[in-house]
Amino acid sequence: MNFLFYFFVFIFGLAVGSFLNVIILRLNSRQRRGSPKAAGQVCRLETGEPETEDSPPFKRRTVLRGRSHCPRCGAILRWYDLVPVLSFFVLRGRCRYCSQPISWQYPLVEIATGALFLLTVGGITNQELGIKNNLAFGFWNLFEIWHLDFGILITICYMLFVICSLIVIFTYDLRHYIIPDKIIFPAIIVVVLFRVFEILNFGHWNLFGIWDLPPLASLAPGGGFGIWRPFLFYFLSAVGAAVFFLAIVLVTKGKGMGVGDVKLAFLMGLILGWPNILVALLLAFSSGALVGLGLIVAKQKTLKSQIPFGPFLISGTLVSFFFGSAIINWYFSFLL
């Protein structure tokens, strides 16, 4: 059994999810600070008195700096108020200092991050590490990760970074109808660098050994174009998805989709490639249509209401990211 190893991964995911909540809140604070519509105040996760730019917490706080505090009363939160998931339920979903309700966003983002980390690392370790159920149960299983070569370690870090970026985009767009450039542009850069890392065969590096670079002849223009074909595959998938969404934006004059969706589609193509990008888009449009129709039938929305499409694109991306190949194989086996 590898219970301790997976438990550690899940707890680590919960902690990262707590940090992602901070990013989501403070990104919105900085965004609204520069917005003419919201000048002089910071958006809160819940309703309440706005926090002015001159208030002490705001002056000290950036996306990555500053003490966590209640968005209602401004009380500085102690470490025992910030334990992922547990603190929310111990406090019964209310602030310890002002008794105002705490958004369910916090535990949901933390649990989702922990679960996705577990799914990601568990899949990679079972496949690449060869961790078996007959391994001795104990703390030493945690050190099995050091037997990975450099390429697998980079792959794990890359996949976890992608997961974190998608969670932030999902939650931020769901709450504010905006896909933040501060998240999507760095994500695009990291994915492009990882694809180059893959193509140049750097995954064969040994962290404690000699780098095994591809032969120089394979990098020559005349004989090495073949190694760039996978990268070209991902790049064309990204461009194709972005052009498709850009066409929707132009045809609907921004009413059907936003420019943020174009950038997100480009990121999706780089992450998934072909044909997984097609699976993600089909899932996104199908789920979006069903949810939109349900909201209209329930009279929560009208045909003219805005519904953020980013969460559906992210959901389709995650499903395709983990199960895209299985879905494609099932589909073709069903046809044949």
C-alpha atoms as a PDB file:
ATOM      1  CA  MET A   1       0.000   0.000   0.000  1.00  0.00           C
ATOM      2  CA  ASN A   2       1.133   3.559  -0.730  1.00  0.00           C
ATOM      3  CA  PHE A   3      -1.375   5.348   1.438  1.00  0.00           C
ATOM      4  CA  LEU A   4       1.155   7.636   3.097  1.00  0.00           C
ATOM      5  CA  PHE A   5       2.656   8.733  -0.211  1.00  0.00           C
ATOM      6  CA  TYR A   6      -0.717   9.621  -1.720  1.00  0.00           C
ATOM      7  CA  PHE A   7      -1.883  11.208   1.530  1.00  0.00           C
ATOM      8  CA  PHE A   8       1.174  13.475   1.452  1.00  0.00           C
ATOM      9  CA  VAL A   9       0.419  14.440  -2.163  1.00  0.00           C
ATOM     10  CA  PHE A  10      -3.213  15.234  -1.282  1.00  0.00           C
ATOM     11  CA  ILE A  11      -2.234  17.365   1.736  1.00  0.00           C
ATOM     12  CA  PHE A  12       0.298  19.200  -0.411  1.00  0.00           C
ATOM     13  CA  GLY A  13      -2.476  19.844  -2.950  1.00  0.00           C
ATOM     14  CA  LEU A  14      -4.733  21.237  -0.214  1.00  0.00           C
ATOM     15  CA  ALA A  15      -1.997  23.650   0.859  1.00  0.00           C
ATOM     16  CA  VAL A  16      -1.393  24.762  -2.727  1.00  0.00           C
ATOM     17  CA  GLY A  17      -5.147  25.186  -3.184  1.00  0.00           C
ATOM     18  CA  SER A  18      -5.202  27.515  -0.182  1.00  0.00           C
ATOM     19  CA  PHE A  19      -2.491  29.593  -1.856  1.00  0.00           C
ATOM     20  CA  LEU A  20      -4.470  29.614  -5.115  1.00  0.00           C
ATOM     21  CA  ASN A  21      -7.420  31.115  -3.223  1.00  0.00           C
ATOM     22  CA  VAL A  22      -5.145  33.954  -2.125  1.00  0.00           C
ATOM     23  CA  ILE A  23      -4.056  34.540  -5.730  1.00  0.00           C
ATOM     24  CA  ILE A  24      -7.664  34.550  -6.958  1.00  0.00           C
ATOM     25  CA  LEU A  25      -8.747  37.110  -4.356  1.00  0.00           C
ATOM     26  CA  ARG A  26      -5.739  39.400  -4.708  1.00  0.00           C
ATOM     27  CA  LEU A  27      -5.730  39.273  -8.506  1.00  0.00           C
ATOM     28  CA  ASN A  28      -9.222  40.687  -8.399  1.00  0.00           C
ATOM     29  CA  SER A  29      -8.148  43.324  -5.894  1.00  0.00           C
ATOM     30  CA  ARG A  30      -5.366  44.580  -8.168  1.00  0.00           C
ATOM     31  CA  GLN A  31      -7.573  44.325 -11.256  1.00  0.00           C
ATOM     32  CA  ARG A  32     -10.300  46.440  -9.753  1.00  0.00           C
ATOM     33  CA  ARG A  33      -7.837  48.954  -8.342  1.00  0.00           C
ATOM     34  CA  GLY A  34      -6.955  49.981 -11.883  1.00  0.00           C
ATOM     35  CA  SER A  35     -10.542  49.865 -13.111  1.00  0.00           C
ATOM     36  CA  PRO A  36     -12.300  53.238 -13.506  1.00  0.00           C
ATOM     37  CA  LYS A  37     -15.550  51.627 -12.472  1.00  0.00           C
ATOM     38  CA  ALA A  38     -14.108  50.416  -9.200  1.00  0.00           C
ATOM     39  CA  ALA A  39     -11.534  53.108  -8.508  1.00  0.00           C
ATOM     40  CA  GLY A  40     -10.848  53.629  -4.844  1.00  0.00           C
ATOM     41  CA  GLN A  41     -12.006  50.258  -3.617  1.00  0.00           C
ATOM     42  CA  VAL A  42     -11.196  46.554  -3.711  1.00  0.00           C
ATOM     43  CA  CYS A  43     -13.709  43.881  -4.605  1.00  0.00           C
ATOM     44  CA  ARG A  44     -14.524  41.470  -1.796  1.00  0.00           C
ATOM     45  CA  LEU A  45     -15.390  37.821  -2.202  1.00  0.00           C
ATOM     46  CA  GLU A  46     -18.619  38.536  -0.357  1.00  0.00           C
ATOM     47  CA  THR A  47     -20.717  41.658   0.086  1.00  0.00           C
ATOM     48  CA  GLY A  48     -19.682  44.168   2.691  1.00  0.00           C
ATOM     49  CA  GLU A  49     -17.997  47.496   3.152  1.00  0.00           C
ATOM     50  CA  PRO A  50     -15.344  48.058   0.470  1.00  0.00           C
ATOM     51  CA  GLU A  51     -11.704  48.245   1.439  1.00  0.00           C
ATOM     52  CA  THR A  52     -10.172  51.538   0.358  1.00  0.00           C
ATOM     53  CA  GLU A  53      -6.763  51.948  -1.227  1.00  0.00           C
ATOM     54  CA  ASP A  54      -5.615  53.883   1.850  1.00  0.00           C
ATOM     55  CA  SER A  55      -6.424  51.107   4.312  1.00  0.00           C
ATOM     56  CA  PRO A  56      -3.294  49.512   5.843  1.00  0.00           C
ATOM     57  CA  PRO A  57      -3.927  45.947   4.594  1.00  0.00           C
ATOM     58  CA  PHE A  58      -4.196  47.140   0.997  1.00  0.00           C
ATOM     59  CA  LYS A  59      -1.030  49.240   1.121  1.00  0.00           C
ATOM     60  CA  ARG A  60       1.047  46.277   2.243  1.00  0.00           C
ATOM     61  CA  ARG A  61      -0.702  43.653   0.126  1.00  0.00           C
ATOM     62  CA  THR A  62       0.229  42.470  -3.339  1.00  0.00           C
ATOM     63  CA  VAL A  63      -0.585  39.221  -5.102  1.00  0.00           C
ATOM     64  CA  LEU A  64       2.230  37.434  -3.252  1.00  0.00           C
ATOM     65  CA  ARG A  65       2.841  39.641  -0.203  1.00  0.00           C
ATOM     66  CA  GLY A  66       0.823  40.638   2.826  1.00  0.00           C
ATOM     67  CA  ARG A  67      -0.952  38.899   5.702  1.00  0.00           C
ATOM     68  CA  SER A  68      -4.242  37.135   5.072  1.00  0.00           C
ATOM     69  CA  HIS A  69      -7.220  38.873   6.621  1.00  0.00           C
ATOM     70  CA  CYS A  70     -10.989  38.633   6.676  1.00  0.00           C
ATOM     71  CA  PRO A  71     -12.488  40.417   3.640  1.00  0.00           C
ATOM     72  CA  ARG A  72     -15.381  41.559   5.843  1.00  0.00           C
ATOM     73  CA  CYS A  73     -13.949  42.924   9.083  1.00  0.00           C
ATOM     74  CA  GLY A  74     -10.282  43.155   8.096  1.00  0.00           C
ATOM     75  CA  ALA A  75      -9.084  41.064  11.059  1.00  0.00           C
ATOM     76  CA  ILE A  76      -5.676  39.470  10.512  1.00  0.00           C
ATOM     77  CA  LEU A  77      -6.121  35.698  10.321  1.00  0.00           C
ATOM     78  CA  ARG A  78      -3.996  33.418  12.508  1.00  0.00           C
ATOM     79  CA  TRP A  79      -2.403  30.191  11.328  1.00  0.00           C
ATOM     80  CA  TYR A  80      -5.184  28.125  12.902  1.00  0.00           C
ATOM     81  CA  ASP A  81      -7.725  30.071  10.844  1.00  0.00           C
ATOM     82  CA  LEU A  82      -5.946  29.092   7.629  1.00  0.00           C
ATOM     83  CA  VAL A  83      -5.697  25.303   7.845  1.00  0.00           C
ATOM     84  CA  PRO A  84      -7.015  24.124   4.462  1.00  0.00           C
ATOM     85  CA  VAL A  85     -10.586  22.749   4.551  1.00  0.00           C
ATOM     86  CA  LEU A  86     -10.418  21.926   8.275  1.00  0.00           C
ATOM     87  CA  SER A  87     -10.616  25.538   9.467  1.00  0.00           C
ATOM     88  CA  PHE A  88     -13.681  26.172   7.294  1.00  0.00           C
ATOM     89  CA  PHE A  89     -15.647  23.342   8.900  1.00  0.00           C
ATOM     90  CA  VAL A  90     -14.351  23.951  12.431  1.00  0.00           C
ATOM     91  CA  LEU A  91     -15.545  27.564  12.124  1.00  0.00           C
ATOM     92  CA  ARG A  92     -18.788  26.338  10.518  1.00  0.00           C
ATOM     93  CA  GLY A  93     -18.208  28.510   7.490  1.00  0.00           C
ATOM     94  CA  ARG A  94     -18.047  31.784   9.424  1.00  0.00           C
ATOM     95  CA  CYS A  95     -15.300  34.219  10.360  1.00  0.00           C
ATOM     96  CA  ARG A  96     -13.990  33.712  13.886  1.00  0.00           C
ATOM     97  CA  TYR A  97     -13.898  37.478  14.506  1.00  0.00           C
ATOM     98  CA  CYS A  98     -17.042  38.915  12.884  1.00  0.00           C
ATOM     99  CA  SER A  99     -19.175  35.768  12.373  1.00  0.00           C
ATOM    100  CA  GLN A 100     -19.853  36.690   8.762  1.00  0.00           C
ATOM    101  CA  PRO A 101     -20.124  33.794   6.262  1.00  0.00           C
ATOM    102  CA  ILE A 102     -17.017  32.566   4.457  1.00  0.00           C
ATOM    103  CA  SER A 103     -17.326  31.758   0.761  1.00  0.00           C
ATOM    104  CA  TRP A 104     -17.542  28.073  -0.169  1.00  0.00           C
ATOM    105  CA  GLN A 105     -14.968  28.879  -2.827  1.00  0.00           C
ATOM    106  CA  TYR A 106     -12.181  28.317  -0.295  1.00  0.00           C
ATOM    107  CA  PRO A 107     -12.754  24.642   0.627  1.00  0.00           C
ATOM    108  CA  LEU A 108     -13.924  23.716  -2.881  1.00  0.00           C
ATOM    109  CA  VAL A 109     -10.776  25.094  -4.534  1.00  0.00           C
ATOM    110  CA  GLU A 110      -8.598  23.395  -1.906  1.00  0.00           C
ATOM    111  CA  ILE A 111     -10.304  20.021  -2.299  1.00  0.00           C
ATOM    112  CA  ALA A 112     -10.257  20.251  -6.098  1.00  0.00           C
ATOM    113  CA  THR A 113      -6.538  21.073  -6.084  1.00  0.00           C
ATOM    114  CA  GLY A 114      -5.764  18.196  -3.722  1.00  0.00           C
ATOM    115  CA  ALA A 115      -7.791  15.737  -5.804  1.00  0.00           C
ATOM    116  CA  LEU A 116      -6.221  16.834  -9.103  1.00  0.00           C
ATOM    117  CA  PHE A 117      -2.715  16.699  -7.601  1.00  0.00           C
ATOM    118  CA  LEU A 118      -3.465  13.183  -6.409  1.00  0.00           C
ATOM    119  CA  LEU A 119      -4.762  12.158  -9.818  1.00  0.00           C
ATOM    120  CA  THR A 120      -1.756  13.702 -11.584  1.00  0.00           C
ATOM    121  CA  VAL A 121       1.073  12.481  -9.363  1.00  0.00           C
ATOM    122  CA  GLY A 122      -0.596   9.133  -8.753  1.00  0.00           C
ATOM    123  CA  GLY A 123      -0.862   8.473 -12.467  1.00  0.00           C
ATOM    124  CA  ILE A 124       2.740   9.455 -13.177  1.00  0.00           C
ATOM    125  CA  THR A 125       4.258   7.566 -10.253  1.00  0.00           C
ATOM    126  CA  ASN A 126       2.328   4.394 -10.947  1.00  0.00           C
ATOM    127  CA  GLN A 127       3.449   4.467 -14.560  1.00  0.00           C
ATOM    128  CA  GLU A 128       7.000   5.812 -14.327  1.00  0.00           C
ATOM    129  CA  LEU A 129       8.129   4.899 -10.835  1.00  0.00           C
ATOM    130  CA  GLY A 130       6.646   1.436 -10.828  1.00  0.00           C
ATOM    131  CA  ILE A 131       5.385   1.729  -7.263  1.00  0.00           C
ATOM    132  CA  LYS A 132       3.713  -1.606  -6.474  1.00  0.00           C
ATOM    133  CA  ASN A 133       1.119  -2.482  -3.888  1.00  0.00           C
ATOM    134  CA  ASN A 134       3.538  -4.945  -2.334  1.00  0.00           C
ATOM    135  CA  LEU A 135       5.972  -2.204  -1.346  1.00  0.00           C
ATOM    136  CA  ALA A 136       6.356  -1.876   2.379  1.00  0.00           C
ATOM    137  CA  PHE A 137       3.949   0.618   3.895  1.00  0.00           C
ATOM    138  CA  GLY A 138       5.863   3.415   5.535  1.00  0.00           C
ATOM    139  CA  PHE A 139       7.417   6.830   5.331  1.00  0.00           C
ATOM    140  CA  TRP A 140      10.281   5.648   3.135  1.00  0.00           C
ATOM    141  CA  ASN A 141       7.913   5.347   0.158  1.00  0.00           C
ATOM    142  CA  LEU A 142       8.024   9.137  -0.045  1.00  0.00           C
ATOM    143  CA  PHE A 143      11.672   8.955  -1.084  1.00  0.00           C
ATOM    144  CA  GLU A 144      10.870   6.818  -4.119  1.00  0.00           C
ATOM    145  CA  ILE A 145      10.381  10.044  -6.063  1.00  0.00           C
ATOM    146  CA  TRP A 146      14.143  10.660  -6.017  1.00  0.00           C
ATOM    147  CA  HIS A 147      14.596   7.644  -8.283  1.00  0.00           C
ATOM    148  CA  LEU A 148      12.929   9.566 -11.078  1.00  0.00           C
ATOM    149  CA  ASP A 149      15.111  10.969 -13.834  1.00  0.00           C
ATOM    150  CA  PHE A 150      15.212  14.697 -14.483  1.00  0.00           C
ATOM    151  CA  GLY A 151      12.684  14.519 -17.327  1.00  0.00           C
ATOM    152  CA  ILE A 152       9.996  12.927 -15.149  1.00  0.00           C
ATOM    153  CA  LEU A 153      10.553  15.464 -12.372  1.00  0.00           C
ATOM    154  CA  ILE A 154      10.151  18.286 -14.879  1.00  0.00           C
ATOM    155  CA  THR A 155       6.991  16.622 -16.224  1.00  0.00           C
ATOM    156  CA  ILE A 156       5.470  16.417 -12.740  1.00  0.00           C
ATOM    157  CA  CYS A 157       6.247  20.082 -12.028  1.00  0.00           C
ATOM    158  CA  TYR A 158       4.855  21.084 -15.425  1.00  0.00           C
ATOM    159  CA  MET A 159       1.606  19.175 -14.980  1.00  0.00           C
ATOM    160  CA  LEU A 160       1.044  20.546 -11.476  1.00  0.00           C
ATOM    161  CA  PHE A 161       1.693  24.076 -12.746  1.00  0.00           C
ATOM    162  CA  VAL A 162      -0.863  23.550 -15.524  1.00  0.00           C
ATOM    163  CA  ILE A 163      -3.402  22.255 -12.999  1.00  0.00           C
ATOM    164  CA  CYS A 164      -2.886  25.306 -10.763  1.00  0.00           C
ATOM    165  CA  SER A 165      -3.210  27.727 -13.681  1.00  0.00           C
ATOM    166  CA  LEU A 166      -6.425  26.102 -14.884  1.00  0.00           C
ATOM    167  CA  ILE A 167      -7.963  26.169 -11.399  1.00  0.00           C
ATOM    168  CA  VAL A 168      -7.228  29.882 -11.000  1.00  0.00           C
ATOM    169  CA  ILE A 169      -8.645  30.680 -14.455  1.00  0.00           C
ATOM    170  CA  PHE A 170     -11.740  28.528 -13.795  1.00  0.00           C
ATOM    171  CA  THR A 171     -12.565  30.211 -10.479  1.00  0.00           C
ATOM    172  CA  TYR A 172     -11.668  33.735 -11.535  1.00  0.00           C
ATOM    173  CA  ASP A 173     -13.739  33.606 -14.721  1.00  0.00           C
ATOM    174  CA  LEU A 174     -16.653  32.014 -12.875  1.00  0.00           C
ATOM    175  CA  ARG A 175     -16.703  34.830 -10.323  1.00  0.00           C
ATOM    176  CA  HIS A 176     -15.686  37.844 -12.385  1.00  0.00           C
ATOM    177  CA  TYR A 177     -16.302  36.927 -16.055  1.00  0.00           C
ATOM    178  CA  ILE A 178     -12.665  37.700 -16.859  1.00  0.00           C
ATOM    179  CA  ILE A 179      -9.776  35.447 -17.861  1.00  0.00           C
ATOM    180  CA  PRO A 180      -6.746  37.086 -16.194  1.00  0.00           C
ATOM    181  CA  ASP A 181      -3.781  37.855 -18.445  1.00  0.00           C
ATOM    182  CA  LYS A 182      -1.450  37.585 -15.447  1.00  0.00           C
ATOM    183  CA  ILE A 183      -2.210  33.876 -15.334  1.00  0.00           C
ATOM    184  CA  ILE A 184      -2.790  32.884 -18.942  1.00  0.00           C
ATOM    185  CA  PHE A 185       0.298  34.498 -20.503  1.00  0.00           C
ATOM    186  CA  PRO A 186       2.789  32.907 -18.061  1.00  0.00           C
ATOM    187  CA  ALA A 187       0.958  29.601 -18.540  1.00  0.00           C
ATOM    188  CA  ILE A 188       1.371  29.832 -22.328  1.00  0.00           C
ATOM    189  CA  ILE A 189       5.092  30.575 -21.943  1.00  0.00           C
ATOM    190  CA  VAL A 190       5.633  27.644 -19.573  1.00  0.00           C
ATOM    191  CA  VAL A 191       3.765  25.209 -21.837  1.00  0.00           C
ATOM    192  CA  VAL A 192       5.751  26.333 -24.900  1.00  0.00           C
ATOM    193  CA  LEU A 193       9.037  25.881 -22.997  1.00  0.00           C
ATOM    194  CA  PHE A 194       7.955  22.427 -21.869  1.00  0.00           C
ATOM    195  CA  ARG A 195       7.080  21.409 -25.431  1.00  0.00           C
ATOM    196  CA  VAL A 196      10.553  22.511 -26.551  1.00  0.00           C
ATOM    197  CA  PHE A 197      11.993  20.576 -23.600  1.00  0.00           C
ATOM    198  CA  GLU A 198      10.153  17.493 -24.853  1.00  0.00           C
ATOM    199  CA  ILE A 199      11.118  17.869 -28.494  1.00  0.00           C
ATOM    200  CA  LEU A 200      14.833  18.328 -27.781  1.00  0.00           C
ATOM    201  CA  ASN A 201      14.772  15.044 -25.891  1.00  0.00           C
ATOM    202  CA  PHE A 202      15.910  16.709 -22.683  1.00  0.00           C
ATOM    203  CA  GLY A 203      13.701  14.245 -20.833  1.00  0.00           C
ATOM    204  CA  HIS A 204      16.589  11.784 -21.132  1.00  0.00           C
ATOM    205  CA  TRP A 205      18.736  13.900 -18.865  1.00  0.00           C
ATOM    206  CA  ASN A 206      19.714  12.209 -15.661  1.00  0.00           C
ATOM    207  CA  LEU A 207      19.551  14.556 -12.693  1.00  0.00           C
ATOM    208  CA  PHE A 208      22.773  13.122 -11.249  1.00  0.00           C
ATOM    209  CA  GLY A 209      24.395  11.971 -14.479  1.00  0.00           C
ATOM    210  CA  ILE A 210      25.525  13.102 -17.903  1.00  0.00           C
ATOM    211  CA  TRP A 211      23.110  15.015 -20.115  1.00  0.00           C
ATOM    212  CA  ASP A 212      22.085  12.965 -23.123  1.00  0.00           C
ATOM    213  CA  LEU A 213      21.425  15.603 -25.745  1.00  0.00           C
ATOM    214  CA  PRO A 214      20.173  14.705 -29.240  1.00  0.00           C
ATOM    215  CA  PRO A 215      22.841  14.519 -31.965  1.00  0.00           C
ATOM    216  CA  LEU A 216      23.660  17.843 -33.560  1.00  0.00           C
ATOM    217  CA  ALA A 217      22.767  16.384 -36.952  1.00  0.00           C
ATOM    218  CA  SER A 218      19.178  15.923 -35.797  1.00  0.00           C
ATOM    219  CA  LEU A 219      18.985  19.670 -35.105  1.00  0.00           C
ATOM    220  CA  ALA A 220      20.203  20.630 -38.572  1.00  0.00           C
ATOM    221  CA  PRO A 221      17.615  22.197 -40.894  1.00  0.00           C
ATOM    222  CA  GLY A 222      18.043  19.474 -43.486  1.00  0.00           C
ATOM    223  CA  GLY A 223      17.828  16.431 -41.272  1.00  0.00           C
ATOM    224  CA  GLY A 224      16.118  17.395 -38.089  1.00  0.00           C
ATOM    225  CA  PHE A 225      12.709  18.758 -38.980  1.00  0.00           C
ATOM    226  CA  GLY A 226      11.189  15.476 -37.878  1.00  0.00           C
ATOM    227  CA  ILE A 227      11.865  16.088 -34.207  1.00  0.00           C
ATOM    228  CA  TRP A 228       9.863  19.322 -34.382  1.00  0.00           C
ATOM    229  CA  ARG A 229       6.767  17.662 -35.837  1.00  0.00           C
ATOM    230  CA  PRO A 230       5.192  16.987 -32.408  1.00  0.00           C
ATOM    231  CA  PHE A 231       5.734  20.620 -31.436  1.00  0.00           C
ATOM    232  CA  LEU A 232       4.194  21.695 -34.730  1.00  0.00           C
ATOM    233  CA  PHE A 233       1.255  19.417 -33.946  1.00  0.00           C
ATOM    234  CA  TYR A 234       0.606  21.183 -30.638  1.00  0.00           C
ATOM    235  CA  PHE A 235       1.213  24.626 -32.126  1.00  0.00           C
ATOM    236  CA  LEU A 236      -1.216  24.078 -35.008  1.00  0.00           C
ATOM    237  CA  SER A 237      -3.813  22.735 -32.571  1.00  0.00           C
ATOM    238  CA  ALA A 238      -3.427  25.908 -30.521  1.00  0.00           C
ATOM    239  CA  VAL A 239      -3.650  28.190 -33.557  1.00  0.00           C
ATOM    240  CA  GLY A 240      -6.632  26.301 -34.954  1.00  0.00           C
ATOM    241  CA  ALA A 241      -8.559  26.514 -31.674  1.00  0.00           C
ATOM    242  CA  ALA A 242      -7.706  30.203 -31.248  1.00  0.00           C
ATOM    243  CA  VAL A 243      -8.736  31.058 -34.827  1.00  0.00           C
ATOM    244  CA  PHE A 244     -12.029  29.210 -34.331  1.00  0.00           C
ATOM    245  CA  PHE A 245     -12.840  31.263 -31.240  1.00  0.00           C
ATOM    246  CA  LEU A 246     -11.608  34.467 -32.835  1.00  0.00           C
ATOM    247  CA  ALA A 247     -14.041  33.864 -35.698  1.00  0.00           C
ATOM    248  CA  ILE A 248     -16.871  33.525 -33.164  1.00  0.00           C
ATOM    249  CA  VAL A 249     -15.799  36.782 -31.501  1.00  0.00           C
ATOM    250  CA  LEU A 250     -15.744  38.630 -34.844  1.00  0.00           C
ATOM    251  CA  VAL A 251     -19.034  37.197 -36.105  1.00  0.00           C
ATOM    252  CA  THR A 252     -20.897  37.877 -32.850  1.00  0.00           C
ATOM    253  CA  LYS A 253     -19.054  41.184 -32.254  1.00  0.00           C
ATOM    254  CA  GLY A 254     -17.937  40.017 -28.837  1.00  0.00           C
ATOM    255  CA  LYS A 255     -21.383  38.939 -27.670  1.00  0.00           C
ATOM    256  CA  GLY A 256     -20.863  35.211 -28.134  1.00  0.00           C
ATOM    257  CA  MET A 257     -17.278  34.926 -26.876  1.00  0.00           C
ATOM    258  CA  GLY A 258     -14.616  37.193 -25.453  1.00  0.00           C
ATOM    259  CA  VAL A 259     -10.992  37.708 -26.399  1.00  0.00           C
ATOM    260  CA  GLY A 260     -10.061  35.909 -23.181  1.00  0.00           C
ATOM    261  CA  ASP A 261     -11.649  32.754 -24.573  1.00  0.00           C
ATOM    262  CA  VAL A 262      -9.417  33.071 -27.655  1.00  0.00           C
ATOM    263  CA  LYS A 263      -6.306  33.154 -25.461  1.00  0.00           C
ATOM    264  CA  LEU A 264      -7.593  30.265 -23.370  1.00  0.00           C
ATOM    265  CA  ALA A 265      -8.278  28.214 -26.508  1.00  0.00           C
ATOM    266  CA  PHE A 266      -4.679  28.802 -27.621  1.00  0.00           C
ATOM    267  CA  LEU A 267      -3.438  27.561 -24.246  1.00  0.00           C
ATOM    268  CA  MET A 268      -5.711  24.517 -24.480  1.00  0.00           C
ATOM    269  CA  GLY A 269      -4.278  23.588 -27.870  1.00  0.00           C
ATOM    270  CA  LEU A 270      -0.714  23.800 -26.550  1.00  0.00           C
ATOM    271  CA  ILE A 271      -1.596  21.627 -23.567  1.00  0.00           C
ATOM    272  CA  LEU A 272      -3.678  18.984 -25.327  1.00  0.00           C
ATOM    273  CA  GLY A 273      -2.639  18.848 -28.974  1.00  0.00           C
ATOM    274  CA  TRP A 274      -4.640  16.991 -31.602  1.00  0.00           C
ATOM    275  CA  PRO A 275      -7.082  15.239 -31.300  1.00  0.00           C
ATOM    276  CA  ASN A 276      -7.501  15.823 -27.546  1.00  0.00           C
ATOM    277  CA  ILE A 277      -8.278  19.502 -28.179  1.00  0.00           C
ATOM    278  CA  LEU A 278     -11.298  18.377 -30.177  1.00  0.00           C
ATOM    279  CA  VAL A 279     -12.516  16.271 -27.248  1.00  0.00           C
ATOM    280  CA  ALA A 280     -12.127  19.234 -24.878  1.00  0.00           C
ATOM    281  CA  LEU A 281     -14.030  21.606 -27.167  1.00  0.00           C
ATOM    282  CA  LEU A 282     -16.867  19.130 -27.727  1.00  0.00           C
ATOM    283  CA  LEU A 283     -17.192  18.586 -23.980  1.00  0.00           C
ATOM    284  CA  ALA A 284     -17.071  22.338 -23.308  1.00  0.00           C
ATOM    285  CA  PHE A 285     -19.742  23.260 -25.839  1.00  0.00           C
ATOM    286  CA  SER A 286     -21.977  20.337 -24.857  1.00  0.00           C
ATOM    287  CA  SER A 287     -21.786  20.991 -21.115  1.00  0.00           C
ATOM    288  CA  GLY A 288     -22.118  24.742 -21.658  1.00  0.00           C
ATOM    289  CA  ALA A 289     -25.263  24.273 -23.733  1.00  0.00           C
ATOM    290  CA  LEU A 290     -26.816  21.910 -21.183  1.00  0.00           C
ATOM    291  CA  VAL A 291     -26.055  24.170 -18.212  1.00  0.00           C
ATOM    292  CA  GLY A 292     -27.209  27.278 -20.082  1.00  0.00           C
ATOM    293  CA  LEU A 293     -30.458  25.589 -21.094  1.00  0.00           C
ATOM    294  CA  GLY A 294     -30.987  24.410 -17.518  1.00  0.00           C
ATOM    295  CA  LEU A 295     -30.487  27.936 -16.150  1.00  0.00           C
ATOM    296  CA  ILE A 296     -32.946  29.338 -18.678  1.00  0.00           C
ATOM    297  CA  VAL A 297     -35.560  26.683 -17.851  1.00  0.00           C
ATOM    298  CA  ALA A 298     -35.032  27.412 -14.142  1.00  0.00           C
ATOM    299  CA  LYS A 299     -35.459  31.139 -14.960  1.00  0.00           C
ATOM    300  CA  GLN A 300     -32.058  31.956 -13.463  1.00  0.00           C
ATOM    301  CA  LYS A 301     -30.834  33.296 -16.804  1.00  0.00           C
ATOM    302  CA  THR A 302     -32.326  34.586 -20.042  1.00  0.00           C
ATOM    303  CA  LEU A 303     -31.171  34.291 -23.647  1.00  0.00           C
ATOM    304  CA  LYS A 304     -29.475  37.675 -23.264  1.00  0.00           C
ATOM    305  CA  SER A 305     -27.696  36.815 -20.009  1.00  0.00           C
ATOM    306  CA  GLN A 306     -23.946  36.380 -19.885  1.00  0.00           C
ATOM    307  CA  ILE A 307     -22.557  33.024 -18.810  1.00  0.00           C
ATOM    308  CA  PRO A 308     -18.784  32.643 -18.421  1.00  0.00           C
ATOM    309  CA  PHE A 309     -17.556  30.026 -20.871  1.00  0.00           C
ATOM    310  CA  GLY A 310     -14.084  29.703 -19.361  1.00  0.00           C
ATOM    311  CA  PRO A 311     -15.140  27.199 -16.663  1.00  0.00           C
ATOM    312  CA  PHE A 312     -16.603  24.909 -19.332  1.00  0.00           C
ATOM    313  CA  LEU A 313     -13.421  25.148 -21.403  1.00  0.00           C
ATOM    314  CA  ILE A 314     -11.322  24.375 -18.326  1.00  0.00           C
ATOM    315  CA  SER A 315     -13.541  21.422 -17.390  1.00  0.00           C
ATOM    316  CA  GLY A 316     -13.276  20.034 -20.915  1.00  0.00           C
ATOM    317  CA  THR A 317      -9.505  20.551 -20.818  1.00  0.00           C
ATOM    318  CA  LEU A 318      -9.113  18.673 -17.535  1.00  0.00           C
ATOM    319  CA  VAL A 319     -11.258  15.745 -18.680  1.00  0.00           C
ATOM    320  CA  SER A 320      -9.355  15.536 -21.957  1.00  0.00           C
ATOM    321  CA  PHE A 321      -6.034  16.042 -20.142  1.00  0.00           C
ATOM    322  CA  PHE A 322      -6.574  12.920 -18.039  1.00  0.00           C
ATOM    323  CA  PHE A 323      -8.975  10.807 -20.094  1.00  0.00           C
ATOM    324  CA  GLY A 324      -8.792  12.164 -23.656  1.00  0.00           C
ATOM    325  CA  SER A 325      -7.074   9.127 -25.169  1.00  0.00           C
ATOM    326  CA  ALA A 326      -9.462   6.742 -23.410  1.00  0.00           C
ATOM    327  CA  ILE A 327     -12.480   8.709 -24.676  1.00  0.00           C
ATOM    328  CA  ILE A 328     -11.141   8.696 -28.246  1.00  0.00           C
ATOM    329  CA  ASN A 329     -10.410   4.960 -28.129  1.00  0.00           C
ATOM    330  CA  TRP A 330     -13.862   4.266 -26.704  1.00  0.00           C
ATOM    331  CA  TYR A 331     -15.486   6.374 -29.415  1.00  0.00           C
ATOM    332  CA  PHE A 332     -13.730   4.611 -32.283  1.00  0.00           C
ATOM    333  CA  SER A 333     -14.324   1.185 -30.764  1.00  0.00           C
ATOM    334  CA  PHE A 334     -18.005   2.085 -30.495  1.00  0.00           C
ATOM    335  CA  LEU A 335     -18.101   3.090 -34.180  1.00  0.00           C
ATOM    336  CA  LEU A 336     -16.267  -0.035 -35.302  1.00  0.00           C
END
